[in-house]
Every structure is written in C-alpha cells, then in structure tokens.
C-alpha cells in the first residue's frame, strides 16, 4: 500500500513537472506568442490549447487538495492571484480582462505545480529559457529586419524590445541563483548582453539597480573577509562569455547598419531621459494642484496630448512617455470612482503598471501591483535574504503597463513565488 502511494505521488510530481515545463517553454519562451498566427491555423489547435488549460487547472487543484505543505507555502501567491482577478468583476469582462484572468490562472496554477514537482529543476529550466531568450536577442541584431517590427533593436521572440528586456531582467532576478555556480557568472553576462542589445534605456537602468541589490550581500561578505579571505576573481568562463559578447555586438555593428542607427539614436538621447522625468514629475505636481483647487477641466488638453503623443513618439520615446503619463493622469483624475475598465485603461498606454490598474479600477487599483510586490517581499522576508525579485518587480512596474498581462512575465512571477514557498531552499548565493 505504501509502495502504491509513493508511486502515485511520483506520478503526480511527474505530471506536474510536464505541465509546468510545457507552460514555461510555451509562454516564458514566447513560443506561443511569436507563432500565434501559425498555431491558430493548425487544425485542432484550440482543442489542444483548452485541453492543456483544463489539465493544468485540474492537476493544480488535485495538488492543493492532497498536498497540505504545498498549500502552506503557496497560499500568499494564491490569495494575491484571486484578489487581483476579482477586481475584473467591477466592469464588463472585455478581451483585455479575459487575458488578465488567464494570466492570473496561469500564475496560480504554475506556482502550485512548480512547488509540487521540485523547484530546483523548474527554476533551472526557467534559467535555461531566459538564457535562450538572451541568445535570440543577440541573434536578432545580426538580422537587418530582425524578428519584430522594431527595426535595429533586438527583441528575440518577444513582442518588442522593451518587453524582451523586462522579461530578461525579471527572469534573471528570479532564476540566477538556481544556475550551477560554475556557470552563474556566464549566465549573468549573457543576459546582460541580451538586455543591452534591446537598446531599452529604462530597462538598462533597472538592470543596474537589480544587479547592485543582488551583489550587495556578496560584496559585504567579501569585504568582511578581505584581506584574509578569497579574492574576488571573475570566473574564466564569464570572461570568455564577455569577450564573445563584445565580439558579437562588434560584428553586428560592422554588418548591420540598422542596429548602428538604432544604437546611436538610443544612447545619444540618454540625456533627454532626465528632462522627461522632470516633466513627468512636474505633470504630477501640476495636476495635483489643479485637482485640489478644483480647476480640473482637461478635455481640450487631452485632444492636444493625443496629437503630440503621435508626433513625439517618432522623435523621442522618453519625451513621449512623459506625455503618455500626463494623459493617463488626466484620465485618472477625471475617471469614475470605479475606474475605466481594463480595455480603456490599456488603450491609454500609461507605461506604468500602478497607473494602469488605477485607471482601470480607481484608487483601489493601486492594490494589485502592490499585492504582487508585497507578496514577493513577504516571501523574501519569511524565507531568504535575497531581495532582487521584489526590487525587479517594483521597478519594472514603473516602466511598463504589460508586466501582469503577458504570459511570459506571469510565468516568471510564478517561478519567483514557488522558489520562496519552501522553508529550506536547495541553493544559496554561496551554493
């Protein structure tokens, strides 16, 4: 009887891993998104797709019912997904809301399945997919037309360069500690090169912040042990990987004129980002003063901003973001108490997750991204002293409004939640 029970448990873990691995490859790897048109034309694709979801939700439910330890570890993430999905009921369920409901279902089920089947192999699969995505970005810059419609900027299989960079940062923040120590530095170098060639200035700033947070404990430990301790010597594999990345990017610079033009445009306008931030902060101050003084009447300015966004976006993206932020803030202050709904909020392109959900659901909408960051921070506080995951999530939410809508980033969130859901993780910074 005990042998049969053990066999059933092993079978359940294997099924859970198969479903989790399928989700990671299909969604974190952006396979389904990139090939969505071709897949939709395949006979029986919809049946296969819905059958997978039915199996995933069914097995996750079986795990929840039968594995009390899994529930004890994953309940904060499950509660976060449930509360976040419940907000959708405040408005009619449009196509954006449907995608969001699917995303919350993916996050909850993948968290449970990953925790059930053993987090080490799932996280290492996630790290491998992150490395693959970085490699695809490097391949992208050698192709004159690239994989997407962002000419000259790398995106790999993601929907755009900014999306690709955000997913690489989040994927590395969640999975890099699961990479075998011998390859950990090389992994970071590869991902850093992938983020660099996306030419996403805002995400490069976020990547630098997350790197500082991740390396601070190791730096403190090194300084405490110095000069008697080990020297901080880069791994030879990482040095080789860095040299290869420099050679690869140099080759792209010499052979792909579109990458050269895009890089020159991106990095010569870094100084404009500072002015855009100042304008954005000024917009918040001015709008707050207007609302407090009951002088809000924004219809004429909205029409003007709509026109300026179209022209400014072709000249400088940082400046265009400040205009998008002001337009979104105007709509937020002028919106009904329960918000505009996800479809209208998403159409405003606020480039900020906090503001997206505030537009969609009113002041209560701020709770959704704060729940995700808070859950990640709670796990870190309760389990481990590794803060790069919640820091990366909080920072990326300020620069993108699609983080909680794309299946790829949601799958990474599930990995982040599941790795902290066990009290004794199998790997540490020194492991």
Foldseek 3Di string as FASTA:
>chain_A
DVVVVVVVLLVLLVLLVVLLLVLQCCFLLLVCVLCVVVLVPDPCSVVVVVVSLVSLLVSLVVLVVPPVLLCQLQVLLLVLLVVLLVLQVVDPQDPLNVLLNVLSSLLSSSLSSCLSNDLLVSLVSLLVSLLVLLVQQLVQLLDQCGSENPGLAGQRSDHALVVSLLSSLLSCLLRLQSPPPLCSLLSVLSSLLSNVRNLPVLSNVLSVVLVCLQCVVVVVVVVVCPPVDDDPDDRPSNVVSNVVSVVSVVVSCVRHVRNVVSNCLSVVCPVVLVVLVVLLVVLVVVVVVCVVVVNQDCPVVLVVLVVCLVVVCVRDVSNSLSSLQSNLVSLLSVADQQADAQVVLVVSFNQAQLSSQCNHGNPCRNVSLVSLLVLLVVLCVQAHVRNSNSSSSNSNNGGGNCQSSRSSNSSSSSSSSNQSSDRDHPGDPVD
